Amino acid sequence: MAINVMVAIGGTGARVAEAYVYAAASGLLHGNEKTLIYVVDKDIDCGNTTRLMKTIDEYRAMRECTGLDLPEIEHCSWLIETAMVELDPSLEKGGSATFRQVACTPGTGDELLVNLMHSKEEQNLDLKKGFYGHPSLGAALYGLITETDTFHSAANTLVNSIKNELAGSNVNTFFVGSMFGGTGASLLPNVAQTLQECEEIGRSPLYRQAACLMLPYFKFQPPKGVDTAKVDFSTFDEKTATALSFYDRNNTMMQNAQADLRKRLQSADPNAKLPLTSSYLISTDYKKRNDPQHGLAIFDDVFVFGQKPLESTCRMYSEGGANQTHTFTVTDFYAALSAVEFFNQATVKVPEGTPHMYTADMPTPCVGWPQVPNAEAQPLIEQMVRFCYAFLMVLYPAFTQNKRELADYEFLKNIYGRTGALGMGPANLPPDLDFGEEVERIVPFCEKYLRFFIELHNRNYTVAANSVELFTDFLGWEHDFLMDNNDNIQERQWFRVNYNLLRREHFKPDNILIGGRRTAIPDAVALWSRLGKYRVDKTGYRDLQPLYRAVYDIMRVR
């Protein structure tokens, strides 16, 4: 048994973590181990971050209502906000404070040090929404955070929960963040080092941790008249190169440290340990962490992703906050699959001391299923896509009808039994069963799951049109058919009015996939017929869960 921990840092980390939720919902995790997703972001109101947390809640509701055999996912907040308020109370409840206000104690050496290390512009940056592409500020603030009472208390849930889990199971921790902004580049290495330096964690043979370092891969266009100095896309490559060279340090330092280690191991102290303070990040080491030969690497695996030219992912420029919400790209998807590989312990090994490198230079040959770096992905994703599609196009419209009509469905008779002396009557539906309330809890995740794969194709923003082809345009068209003018799911009345149209004309599950794989369900009539003959296993399941599991099973390509 293992516990998976994902540490999503900044807006980029949140997007990759959300893509990971969709990958987990596809059944790609072996053993269905629980995942704790820690959101680490100074800009806690960031649209990407709040969307991630809402998506996890919607996934949990879908999983609970359907009873599908999918892994448990829980989102957790860390102590960044609480510790920052301890440093400067003016930050409480969304207040503002500059870096200088938080970092300086007037009349002390702190003030002199800040003046020497940081420009006036950096000192006056409002920290409410993050570090605006200044990783040095984030690193400095993290140092202050580690000295707070909050950091050393029970509020340090990341460290304490990993310690507790290691008492009885393996723990795999996966960090993800950008190397070209501020939050990810500054916090990812420092938070990872915190876990490395904790004796109970960093030396436990049951512990592994990996990093997913996101190189530049997206951009968005600022409107006219907006000051772009805080986020300049032309500097992304330079910032990334600087961060990676710092993390990598140099091979001479590494070789000298390893030579020193060998000498100490050959000395009279057979239990000699590596120093716990190391910043050698861009490296892998596959030995157990309690092995004296374990290298100086902080990570057991390192993944590096990037794309050129940068993909446009947002029409609106935003300096953080609720408006900072991006569409997804295939780079987010690939990064999420690297987390799946790490958690499944299925990563293809690379030479120790080197990272996994994944880059996409446009234009490239079209990304299709053969290029997806996971052999299990296509059939499992296909199955979940068809389930969500069937739910929105067939089940959801059906359950907007009144109970009298629903009682005539054969599959509901199979689940609840028949009324009448000879068992020839309608289904014996429980009087307190509210179909509508349950399906409303399932709809949001199904809709988001489909939208995720539509956005991978990025047809509205892409600089390389049709560079991704996992699904046909039909999926996008059918998906849009269910949306109203405000891009929300249609009202129930719309489904009632269009019920027959939806189930008889629009449900064509085999039209949405590239590659010609076919189910035995060409339309809604065939699905109703199959469900009417399906052997329902009600053992251990409640309400309509046997139905949902039957649809999920039927949608699998054999």
Protein backbone atom coordinates (compact mmCIF):
# COMPACT_ATOMS: atom_id res chain seq x y z
CA MET A 1 0.00 0.00 0.00
CA ALA A 2 1.27 3.48 -0.88
CA ILE A 3 0.14 7.05 -0.44
CA ASN A 4 0.73 9.48 -3.27
CA VAL A 5 1.39 13.14 -2.51
CA MET A 6 1.34 15.78 -5.23
CA VAL A 7 2.67 19.22 -4.36
CA ALA A 8 1.22 21.64 -6.92
CA ILE A 9 3.13 24.92 -6.77
CA GLY A 10 1.78 28.08 -8.38
CA GLY A 11 -0.68 28.39 -11.26
CA THR A 12 1.25 26.03 -13.54
CA GLY A 13 1.42 23.40 -10.83
CA ALA A 14 -2.35 23.72 -10.36
CA ARG A 15 -3.02 23.12 -14.07
CA VAL A 16 -0.84 20.00 -14.16
CA ALA A 17 -2.48 18.76 -10.96
CA GLU A 18 -5.92 19.20 -12.50
CA ALA A 19 -4.78 17.26 -15.57
CA TYR A 20 -3.61 14.57 -13.15
CA VAL A 21 -7.13 14.38 -11.67
CA TYR A 22 -8.47 13.61 -15.15
CA ALA A 23 -5.75 10.98 -15.65
CA ALA A 24 -6.62 9.38 -12.30
CA ALA A 25 -10.32 9.45 -13.22
CA SER A 26 -9.37 7.48 -16.33
CA GLY A 27 -8.20 4.59 -14.16
CA LEU A 28 -4.49 5.01 -14.97
CA LEU A 29 -3.25 4.61 -11.39
CA HIS A 30 -2.28 1.06 -10.49
CA GLY A 31 -3.88 -0.11 -7.26
CA ASN A 32 -5.96 3.06 -6.97
CA GLU A 33 -3.81 4.47 -4.19
CA LYS A 34 -5.06 7.62 -2.50
CA THR A 35 -3.56 10.93 -3.65
CA LEU A 36 -3.18 14.00 -1.45
CA ILE A 37 -2.84 17.15 -3.56
CA TYR A 38 -1.22 20.02 -1.67
CA VAL A 39 -1.83 23.43 -3.20
CA VAL A 40 1.15 25.70 -2.54
CA ASP A 41 0.48 29.17 -3.90
CA LYS A 42 0.80 32.64 -2.41
CA ASP A 43 -1.93 33.73 -4.86
CA ILE A 44 -4.58 31.47 -3.33
CA ASP A 45 -7.29 33.27 -5.37
CA CYS A 46 -5.58 32.38 -8.65
CA GLY A 47 -8.19 31.11 -11.11
CA ASN A 48 -6.13 28.02 -11.93
CA THR A 49 -5.76 27.17 -8.24
CA THR A 50 -9.43 27.64 -7.31
CA ARG A 51 -10.49 25.67 -10.40
CA LEU A 52 -8.26 22.77 -9.32
CA MET A 53 -9.81 22.65 -5.86
CA LYS A 54 -13.34 22.83 -7.29
CA THR A 55 -12.52 20.06 -9.79
CA ILE A 56 -11.28 17.79 -6.99
CA ASP A 57 -14.55 18.36 -5.10
CA GLU A 58 -16.53 17.57 -8.27
CA TYR A 59 -14.46 14.44 -8.86
CA ARG A 60 -15.12 13.28 -5.31
CA ALA A 61 -18.88 13.82 -5.79
CA MET A 62 -18.85 11.88 -9.08
CA ARG A 63 -16.87 9.03 -7.52
CA GLU A 64 -19.18 8.85 -4.48
CA CYS A 65 -22.41 8.92 -6.51
CA THR A 66 -21.37 6.51 -9.27
CA GLY A 67 -19.49 4.00 -7.12
CA LEU A 68 -16.89 3.59 -9.88
CA ASP A 69 -13.68 1.90 -8.78
CA LEU A 70 -11.53 5.02 -8.98
CA PRO A 71 -8.83 6.34 -6.61
CA GLU A 72 -9.55 8.69 -3.75
CA ILE A 73 -8.21 12.24 -4.20
CA GLU A 74 -8.11 14.87 -1.49
CA HIS A 75 -6.99 18.48 -1.76
CA CYS A 76 -5.00 19.96 1.10
CA SER A 77 -3.88 23.52 1.76
CA TRP A 78 -0.47 24.24 3.22
CA LEU A 79 0.72 26.94 5.61
CA ILE A 80 1.89 29.66 3.21
CA GLU A 81 -1.02 32.05 3.87
CA THR A 82 -1.03 31.54 7.66
CA ALA A 83 2.73 31.97 7.93
CA MET A 84 2.66 35.11 5.79
CA VAL A 85 0.04 36.63 8.09
CA GLU A 86 2.30 35.80 11.03
CA LEU A 87 5.09 37.72 9.27
CA ASP A 88 2.81 40.66 8.48
CA PRO A 89 -0.74 40.84 9.93
CA SER A 90 -1.81 43.27 7.17
CA LEU A 91 -1.96 40.28 4.81
CA GLU A 92 -4.87 38.79 6.74
CA LYS A 93 -8.12 38.35 4.78
CA GLY A 94 -6.61 39.26 1.43
CA GLY A 95 -4.80 42.39 2.55
CA SER A 96 -1.72 43.77 0.83
CA ALA A 97 1.90 44.10 1.84
CA THR A 98 5.13 44.74 -0.03
CA PHE A 99 8.18 42.51 0.08
CA ARG A 100 10.01 45.20 2.06
CA GLN A 101 7.26 45.35 4.70
CA VAL A 102 7.36 41.58 5.22
CA ALA A 103 11.12 41.09 5.06
CA CYS A 104 12.36 44.12 7.04
CA THR A 105 12.41 44.96 10.69
CA PRO A 106 13.18 48.71 10.79
CA GLY A 107 16.52 49.64 12.34
CA THR A 108 17.99 46.15 12.00
CA GLY A 109 20.42 44.44 9.67
CA ASP A 110 17.45 43.04 7.76
CA GLU A 111 16.83 46.43 6.21
CA LEU A 112 20.43 46.77 5.05
CA LEU A 113 20.45 43.25 3.62
CA VAL A 114 17.22 43.79 1.67
CA ASN A 115 18.61 47.06 0.24
CA LEU A 116 21.76 45.25 -0.89
CA MET A 117 20.03 42.20 -2.39
CA HIS A 118 16.89 43.61 -4.02
CA SER A 119 16.02 46.51 -6.27
CA LYS A 120 13.52 49.19 -5.24
CA GLU A 121 11.05 47.71 -7.73
CA GLU A 122 11.35 44.28 -6.10
CA GLN A 123 11.12 45.71 -2.60
CA ASN A 124 7.87 47.50 -3.48
CA LEU A 125 6.14 44.55 -5.17
CA ASP A 126 2.74 43.76 -3.66
CA LEU A 127 2.90 40.14 -2.48
CA LYS A 128 -0.86 39.64 -2.47
CA LYS A 129 -0.82 37.65 -5.72
CA GLY A 130 2.62 36.09 -5.71
CA PHE A 131 6.12 36.92 -6.86
CA TYR A 132 5.51 38.19 -10.43
CA GLY A 133 8.37 36.31 -12.04
CA HIS A 134 10.89 37.13 -9.27
CA PRO A 135 11.95 33.75 -7.81
CA SER A 136 14.55 35.41 -5.58
CA LEU A 137 11.72 37.07 -3.65
CA GLY A 138 9.92 33.77 -3.18
CA ALA A 139 13.10 32.05 -2.01
CA ALA A 140 13.81 34.82 0.49
CA LEU A 141 10.26 34.76 1.82
CA TYR A 142 10.33 30.99 2.15
CA GLY A 143 13.39 31.37 4.35
CA LEU A 144 11.41 33.72 6.59
CA ILE A 145 8.42 31.34 6.59
CA THR A 146 10.58 28.46 7.85
CA GLU A 147 11.37 30.54 10.95
CA THR A 148 7.73 31.14 11.92
CA ASP A 149 5.88 29.37 14.70
CA THR A 150 3.34 28.27 12.08
CA PHE A 151 6.01 26.35 10.16
CA HIS A 152 7.13 24.50 13.29
CA SER A 153 3.60 23.73 14.51
CA ALA A 154 0.89 21.23 13.63
CA ALA A 155 -0.09 23.59 10.81
CA ASN A 156 2.81 22.16 8.83
CA THR A 157 0.49 19.51 7.45
CA LEU A 158 2.69 18.58 4.49
CA VAL A 159 5.64 17.50 6.63
CA ASN A 160 3.56 16.01 9.44
CA SER A 161 1.22 14.01 7.21
CA ILE A 162 4.15 12.47 5.31
CA LYS A 163 5.81 11.54 8.61
CA ASN A 164 2.61 9.89 9.83
CA GLU A 165 2.02 7.99 6.59
CA LEU A 166 5.60 6.67 6.55
CA ALA A 167 4.88 4.89 9.82
CA GLY A 168 2.80 2.33 7.94
CA SER A 169 3.16 2.70 4.17
CA ASN A 170 5.27 3.90 1.28
CA VAL A 171 4.96 7.56 0.36
CA ASN A 172 5.65 8.95 -3.10
CA THR A 173 5.82 12.75 -3.41
CA PHE A 174 5.64 14.51 -6.77
CA PHE A 175 6.45 18.23 -7.04
CA VAL A 176 5.33 20.25 -10.05
CA GLY A 177 5.81 23.92 -10.86
CA SER A 178 7.12 26.29 -13.52
CA MET A 179 10.77 27.28 -13.77
CA PHE A 180 10.07 30.54 -15.61
CA GLY A 181 7.82 32.38 -13.16
CA GLY A 182 8.17 33.24 -9.52
CA THR A 183 6.19 30.89 -7.31
CA GLY A 184 7.24 27.57 -8.81
CA ALA A 185 10.88 28.48 -9.44
CA SER A 186 11.35 29.76 -5.89
CA LEU A 187 9.25 27.38 -3.80
CA LEU A 188 9.65 24.02 -5.56
CA PRO A 189 13.35 23.48 -4.74
CA ASN A 190 13.00 24.92 -1.25
CA VAL A 191 9.96 22.88 -0.20
CA ALA A 192 11.61 19.76 -1.63
CA GLN A 193 14.73 20.52 0.38
CA THR A 194 12.59 20.85 3.52
CA LEU A 195 11.42 17.26 3.10
CA GLN A 196 14.92 16.09 2.17
CA GLU A 197 16.39 17.57 5.34
CA CYS A 198 13.79 16.02 7.63
CA GLU A 199 15.53 12.92 8.97
CA GLU A 200 12.34 10.85 9.32
CA ILE A 201 11.46 11.59 5.68
CA GLY A 202 14.66 12.17 3.74
CA ARG A 203 16.33 8.98 5.02
CA SER A 204 13.33 6.67 5.03
CA PRO A 205 13.62 3.67 2.66
CA LEU A 206 9.85 3.93 2.19
CA TYR A 207 10.08 7.44 0.76
CA ARG A 208 10.56 8.66 -2.80
CA GLN A 209 10.16 12.12 -4.31
CA ALA A 210 10.24 13.43 -7.87
CA ALA A 211 10.15 16.81 -9.56
CA CYS A 212 8.33 17.95 -12.67
CA LEU A 213 10.02 21.14 -13.85
CA MET A 214 7.92 23.02 -16.40
CA LEU A 215 9.97 25.00 -18.90
CA PRO A 216 8.27 27.77 -20.92
CA TYR A 217 5.32 26.41 -22.89
CA PHE A 218 2.48 28.96 -22.76
CA LYS A 219 1.76 32.66 -23.11
CA PHE A 220 -1.19 35.06 -23.21
CA GLN A 221 -1.60 38.40 -24.92
CA PRO A 222 -1.99 41.51 -22.76
CA PRO A 223 -4.60 44.01 -23.88
CA LYS A 224 -3.50 47.42 -25.13
CA GLY A 225 -2.37 49.81 -22.47
CA VAL A 226 -1.48 47.14 -19.87
CA ASP A 227 1.94 47.33 -18.25
CA THR A 228 3.59 43.99 -19.07
CA ALA A 229 6.78 44.61 -17.08
CA LYS A 230 5.76 42.19 -14.33
CA VAL A 231 5.33 39.27 -16.74
CA ASP A 232 7.55 39.46 -19.83
CA PHE A 233 7.39 36.33 -21.97
CA SER A 234 10.59 37.27 -23.80
CA THR A 235 12.53 36.70 -20.56
CA PHE A 236 11.12 33.22 -19.85
CA ASP A 237 14.01 31.35 -21.46
CA GLU A 238 16.63 33.42 -19.66
CA LYS A 239 14.90 32.98 -16.29
CA THR A 240 14.60 29.26 -16.84
CA ALA A 241 18.25 28.87 -17.81
CA THR A 242 19.32 30.81 -14.72
CA ALA A 243 17.13 28.70 -12.42
CA LEU A 244 18.28 25.38 -13.90
CA SER A 245 21.96 26.31 -13.79
CA PHE A 246 21.60 27.27 -10.14
CA TYR A 247 19.77 24.04 -9.31
CA ASP A 248 22.30 21.97 -11.21
CA ARG A 249 25.29 23.73 -9.69
CA ASN A 250 28.21 21.98 -11.46
CA ASN A 251 29.52 18.50 -11.95
CA THR A 252 32.83 19.32 -10.29
CA MET A 253 31.07 20.10 -7.00
CA MET A 254 29.07 16.90 -7.29
CA GLN A 255 32.11 14.77 -8.10
CA ASN A 256 34.10 16.27 -5.22
CA ALA A 257 31.23 15.64 -2.81
CA GLN A 258 30.92 12.04 -3.96
CA ALA A 259 34.67 11.51 -3.64
CA ASP A 260 34.52 12.87 -0.09
CA LEU A 261 31.62 10.53 0.64
CA ARG A 262 33.58 7.50 -0.58
CA LYS A 263 36.48 8.42 1.71
CA ARG A 264 34.18 8.70 4.71
CA LEU A 265 32.51 5.39 3.92
CA GLN A 266 35.91 3.71 3.83
CA SER A 267 36.81 5.22 7.19
CA ALA A 268 36.11 3.77 10.60
CA ASP A 269 32.54 5.03 10.53
CA PRO A 270 30.50 2.51 8.51
CA ASN A 271 27.30 4.48 9.21
CA ALA A 272 28.54 7.70 7.69
CA LYS A 273 25.67 9.63 6.08
CA LEU A 274 25.43 12.18 3.33
CA PRO A 275 25.12 15.80 4.38
CA LEU A 276 21.44 16.72 4.41
CA THR A 277 21.95 20.13 2.82
CA SER A 278 22.22 19.79 -0.94
CA SER A 279 20.85 21.84 -3.81
CA TYR A 280 21.76 19.36 -6.51
CA LEU A 281 18.27 19.14 -8.01
CA ILE A 282 18.57 18.29 -11.70
CA SER A 283 19.55 14.72 -11.03
CA THR A 284 18.11 11.29 -10.39
CA ASP A 285 19.20 8.62 -7.96
CA TYR A 286 17.48 5.23 -7.85
CA LYS A 287 19.05 3.86 -4.66
CA LYS A 288 17.08 3.55 -1.44
CA ARG A 289 17.26 6.64 0.73
CA ASN A 290 18.75 4.77 3.68
CA ASP A 291 21.53 3.41 1.44
CA PRO A 292 24.85 5.11 2.35
CA GLN A 293 25.61 5.15 -1.38
CA HIS A 294 22.56 7.29 -2.15
CA GLY A 295 23.85 10.30 -4.03
CA LEU A 296 23.46 13.98 -3.28
CA ALA A 297 20.36 14.24 -5.47
CA ILE A 298 17.27 15.58 -3.75
CA PHE A 299 15.00 13.75 -6.17
CA ASP A 300 14.68 10.12 -7.12
CA ASP A 301 13.31 11.16 -10.52
CA VAL A 302 13.26 14.45 -12.43
CA PHE A 303 11.01 15.28 -15.41
CA VAL A 304 11.51 18.37 -17.56
CA PHE A 305 8.83 19.55 -20.02
CA GLY A 306 8.73 22.43 -22.48
CA GLN A 307 7.34 23.58 -25.80
CA LYS A 308 8.31 26.01 -28.56
CA PRO A 309 6.84 28.25 -29.79
CA LEU A 310 4.86 29.13 -26.70
CA GLU A 311 1.20 28.08 -26.82
CA SER A 312 -1.47 30.76 -26.36
CA THR A 313 -3.68 29.57 -23.52
CA CYS A 314 -5.64 32.62 -22.38
CA ARG A 315 -7.30 35.54 -24.14
CA MET A 316 -7.11 37.78 -21.07
CA TYR A 317 -3.94 39.07 -19.44
CA SER A 318 -4.05 38.89 -15.66
CA GLU A 319 -1.55 39.53 -12.89
CA GLY A 320 -2.84 36.65 -10.81
CA GLY A 321 -6.22 36.51 -9.12
CA ALA A 322 -9.48 34.97 -10.28
CA ASN A 323 -8.96 36.00 -13.92
CA GLN A 324 -5.76 33.97 -14.24
CA THR A 325 -7.36 30.89 -15.77
CA HIS A 326 -5.78 29.11 -18.71
CA THR A 327 -6.95 26.47 -21.12
CA PHE A 328 -5.06 23.17 -21.12
CA THR A 329 -2.38 22.05 -23.55
CA VAL A 330 -0.92 18.67 -24.37
CA THR A 331 2.15 19.70 -22.30
CA ASP A 332 -0.03 19.77 -19.15
CA PHE A 333 -1.35 16.34 -20.11
CA TYR A 334 2.12 14.85 -20.64
CA ALA A 335 3.33 16.28 -17.32
CA ALA A 336 0.34 14.71 -15.54
CA LEU A 337 1.16 11.35 -17.14
CA SER A 338 4.71 11.61 -15.76
CA ALA A 339 3.15 11.81 -12.26
CA VAL A 340 1.15 8.67 -13.07
CA GLU A 341 4.33 6.90 -14.17
CA PHE A 342 6.17 7.92 -11.02
CA PHE A 343 3.34 6.89 -8.69
CA ASN A 344 2.99 3.57 -10.55
CA GLN A 345 6.77 3.06 -10.28
CA ALA A 346 6.70 2.51 -14.04
CA THR A 347 9.15 5.23 -15.04
CA VAL A 348 11.68 4.26 -17.70
CA LYS A 349 15.03 4.75 -16.02
CA VAL A 350 17.55 7.27 -17.31
CA PRO A 351 21.25 7.42 -16.39
CA GLU A 352 21.70 8.57 -12.82
CA GLY A 353 22.44 12.26 -12.61
CA THR A 354 20.26 13.18 -15.60
CA PRO A 355 16.60 14.17 -15.92
CA HIS A 356 13.86 12.92 -18.23
CA MET A 357 13.51 15.48 -21.03
CA TYR A 358 10.27 16.04 -22.96
CA THR A 359 10.15 18.88 -25.48
CA ALA A 360 7.83 19.83 -28.33
CA ASP A 361 9.09 22.16 -31.04
CA MET A 362 6.25 23.26 -33.33
CA PRO A 363 5.46 22.46 -36.03
CA THR A 364 5.73 18.76 -35.31
CA PRO A 365 3.90 15.74 -36.63
CA CYS A 366 0.44 15.64 -35.16
CA VAL A 367 0.22 14.35 -31.58
CA GLY A 368 -2.09 11.34 -31.62
CA TRP A 369 -2.58 8.27 -29.47
CA PRO A 370 0.70 6.61 -30.60
CA GLN A 371 2.63 9.63 -29.28
CA VAL A 372 0.99 9.58 -25.83
CA PRO A 373 3.70 8.27 -23.45
CA ASN A 374 1.52 5.67 -21.73
CA ALA A 375 0.43 2.48 -23.42
CA GLU A 376 -2.59 2.12 -21.11
CA ALA A 377 -3.88 5.63 -21.71
CA GLN A 378 -5.91 5.22 -24.89
CA PRO A 379 -8.34 2.42 -23.97
CA LEU A 380 -8.88 3.70 -20.42
CA ILE A 381 -9.38 7.31 -21.45
CA GLU A 382 -11.70 6.18 -24.25
CA GLN A 383 -13.80 4.30 -21.73
CA MET A 384 -14.16 7.25 -19.37
CA VAL A 385 -14.81 9.68 -22.23
CA ARG A 386 -17.63 7.47 -23.48
CA PHE A 387 -19.04 7.13 -19.97
CA CYS A 388 -19.10 10.91 -19.46
CA TYR A 389 -20.54 11.37 -22.94
CA ALA A 390 -23.24 8.75 -22.29
CA PHE A 391 -24.06 10.35 -18.97
CA LEU A 392 -24.54 13.82 -20.44
CA MET A 393 -26.32 12.75 -23.62
CA VAL A 394 -28.41 9.81 -22.38
CA LEU A 395 -28.61 9.30 -18.61
CA TYR A 396 -28.89 12.93 -17.54
CA PRO A 397 -31.75 13.67 -19.98
CA ALA A 398 -33.51 10.47 -18.90
CA PHE A 399 -33.43 11.35 -15.22
CA THR A 400 -35.00 14.75 -15.86
CA GLN A 401 -38.23 12.90 -16.70
CA ASN A 402 -40.86 12.22 -14.05
CA LYS A 403 -40.74 9.00 -12.00
CA ARG A 404 -43.76 7.53 -13.71
CA GLU A 405 -41.93 7.48 -17.03
CA LEU A 406 -38.70 6.28 -15.44
CA ALA A 407 -40.47 3.33 -13.81
CA ASP A 408 -41.05 1.84 -17.27
CA TYR A 409 -37.32 1.48 -17.99
CA GLU A 410 -36.26 -2.15 -18.02
CA PHE A 411 -32.90 -1.54 -16.34
CA LEU A 412 -34.64 0.15 -13.38
CA LYS A 413 -36.95 -2.87 -13.11
CA ASN A 414 -33.82 -5.04 -12.95
CA ILE A 415 -32.40 -2.90 -10.14
CA TYR A 416 -35.51 -2.28 -8.01
CA GLY A 417 -37.78 -5.13 -9.02
CA ARG A 418 -41.25 -5.01 -10.57
CA THR A 419 -44.62 -4.21 -9.08
CA GLY A 420 -47.84 -6.14 -9.72
CA ALA A 421 -49.00 -9.64 -8.79
CA LEU A 422 -47.12 -11.29 -11.65
CA GLY A 423 -44.22 -8.88 -11.58
CA MET A 424 -45.32 -7.32 -14.85
CA GLY A 425 -45.76 -3.77 -13.61
CA PRO A 426 -43.39 -0.78 -13.51
CA ALA A 427 -40.24 -0.60 -11.44
CA ASN A 428 -40.72 -0.49 -7.68
CA LEU A 429 -38.88 2.82 -7.24
CA PRO A 430 -38.18 3.97 -3.67
CA PRO A 431 -40.42 6.97 -2.90
CA ASP A 432 -37.54 8.95 -1.36
CA LEU A 433 -35.10 8.42 -4.26
CA ASP A 434 -34.27 11.79 -5.85
CA PHE A 435 -32.81 11.04 -9.28
CA GLY A 436 -32.38 14.71 -10.08
CA GLU A 437 -30.27 15.59 -7.05
CA GLU A 438 -27.89 12.72 -7.67
CA VAL A 439 -27.34 13.30 -11.37
CA GLU A 440 -26.76 17.01 -10.73
CA ARG A 441 -23.80 16.04 -8.53
CA ILE A 442 -22.31 13.91 -11.31
CA VAL A 443 -22.81 16.30 -14.22
CA PRO A 444 -20.10 18.93 -13.39
CA PHE A 445 -17.18 16.49 -13.47
CA CYS A 446 -18.39 14.71 -16.61
CA GLU A 447 -18.66 18.07 -18.34
CA LYS A 448 -15.17 19.14 -17.20
CA TYR A 449 -13.62 15.82 -18.17
CA LEU A 450 -14.84 16.17 -21.75
CA ARG A 451 -13.88 19.84 -21.89
CA PHE A 452 -10.32 18.97 -20.82
CA PHE A 453 -9.78 16.78 -23.87
CA ILE A 454 -11.42 19.35 -26.13
CA GLU A 455 -8.99 21.98 -24.85
CA LEU A 456 -5.97 19.78 -25.55
CA HIS A 457 -6.69 20.40 -29.21
CA ASN A 458 -6.66 24.13 -28.39
CA ARG A 459 -8.44 25.05 -31.60
CA ASN A 460 -9.37 28.50 -30.34
CA TYR A 461 -5.87 29.60 -29.38
CA THR A 462 -3.30 27.30 -30.94
CA VAL A 463 -0.34 28.57 -32.96
CA ALA A 464 -0.12 25.21 -34.71
CA ALA A 465 -3.63 24.30 -35.81
CA ASN A 466 -4.57 20.62 -35.68
CA SER A 467 -1.31 19.74 -33.94
CA VAL A 468 -3.20 17.44 -31.54
CA GLU A 469 -5.67 14.83 -32.75
CA LEU A 470 -6.88 12.50 -30.02
CA PHE A 471 -10.57 13.08 -30.68
CA THR A 472 -12.61 14.22 -33.65
CA ASP A 473 -14.38 17.55 -34.01
CA PHE A 474 -17.58 15.67 -33.26
CA LEU A 475 -16.76 15.56 -29.55
CA GLY A 476 -16.41 19.32 -29.46
CA TRP A 477 -19.63 19.85 -31.39
CA GLU A 478 -21.67 17.47 -29.24
CA HIS A 479 -20.16 18.95 -26.11
CA ASP A 480 -21.12 22.47 -27.20
CA PHE A 481 -24.63 21.25 -28.02
CA LEU A 482 -25.15 20.63 -24.28
CA MET A 483 -24.00 24.15 -23.34
CA ASP A 484 -26.14 27.28 -23.14
CA ASN A 485 -25.08 30.75 -24.29
CA ASN A 486 -23.18 31.28 -21.03
CA ASP A 487 -21.15 28.09 -21.53
CA ASN A 488 -22.99 26.31 -18.70
CA ILE A 489 -24.86 23.00 -18.80
CA GLN A 490 -28.36 23.47 -20.18
CA GLU A 491 -31.26 23.86 -17.73
CA ARG A 492 -33.25 20.72 -16.93
CA GLN A 493 -36.26 21.99 -18.83
CA TRP A 494 -34.13 22.01 -22.00
CA PHE A 495 -33.33 18.32 -21.49
CA ARG A 496 -36.98 17.51 -20.92
CA VAL A 497 -38.00 19.27 -24.12
CA ASN A 498 -35.14 17.77 -26.19
CA TYR A 499 -35.11 14.33 -24.57
CA ASN A 500 -36.17 12.34 -27.63
CA LEU A 501 -33.91 14.35 -29.92
CA LEU A 502 -30.90 13.71 -27.69
CA ARG A 503 -31.39 10.00 -27.23
CA ARG A 504 -32.49 9.17 -30.78
CA GLU A 505 -30.32 11.41 -32.95
CA HIS A 506 -27.32 12.84 -31.14
CA PHE A 507 -25.76 10.04 -29.13
CA LYS A 508 -23.08 8.55 -31.43
CA PRO A 509 -20.22 7.43 -29.17
CA ASP A 510 -18.10 5.91 -31.93
CA ASN A 511 -17.91 9.25 -33.76
CA ILE A 512 -15.78 11.00 -31.15
CA LEU A 513 -12.54 9.02 -31.29
CA ILE A 514 -9.58 8.98 -33.63
CA GLY A 515 -8.40 5.54 -34.69
CA GLY A 516 -11.53 3.64 -35.67
CA ARG A 517 -12.02 1.69 -32.43
CA ARG A 518 -15.65 0.71 -32.08
CA THR A 519 -17.99 -0.26 -29.27
CA ALA A 520 -21.13 -2.34 -29.74
CA ILE A 521 -23.23 0.73 -28.90
CA PRO A 522 -23.76 2.88 -32.01
CA ASP A 523 -26.61 4.93 -30.52
CA ALA A 524 -28.88 5.49 -27.49
CA VAL A 525 -31.37 2.82 -28.57
CA ALA A 526 -28.63 0.20 -28.46
CA LEU A 527 -27.51 1.44 -25.01
CA TRP A 528 -31.06 1.19 -23.60
CA SER A 529 -31.38 -2.30 -25.08
CA ARG A 530 -28.07 -3.48 -23.61
CA LEU A 531 -28.93 -2.04 -20.20
CA GLY A 532 -32.32 -3.79 -20.24
CA LYS A 533 -30.56 -7.15 -20.62
CA TYR A 534 -27.60 -6.37 -18.36
CA ARG A 535 -27.11 -8.60 -15.31
CA VAL A 536 -27.18 -6.14 -12.45
CA ASP A 537 -24.93 -6.79 -9.46
CA LYS A 538 -26.45 -4.84 -6.55
CA THR A 539 -24.12 -6.28 -3.91
CA GLY A 540 -22.52 -3.51 -1.88
CA TYR A 541 -23.91 -0.69 -4.03
CA ARG A 542 -26.70 1.79 -3.42
CA ASP A 543 -29.33 3.57 -5.47
CA LEU A 544 -28.30 3.93 -9.12
CA GLN A 545 -24.67 2.87 -8.68
CA PRO A 546 -25.26 -0.51 -10.41
CA LEU A 547 -26.58 1.39 -13.42
CA TYR A 548 -23.58 3.71 -13.63
CA ARG A 549 -21.15 0.81 -13.28
CA ALA A 550 -23.03 -1.05 -16.03
CA VAL A 551 -22.77 1.92 -18.41
CA TYR A 552 -19.06 2.29 -17.61
CA ASP A 553 -18.50 -1.40 -18.35
CA ILE A 554 -20.55 -1.31 -21.56
CA MET A 555 -18.52 1.65 -22.86
CA ARG A 556 -15.27 -0.29 -22.71
CA VAL A 557 -13.77 -1.33 -26.05
CA ARG A 558 -13.22 -5.07 -25.79
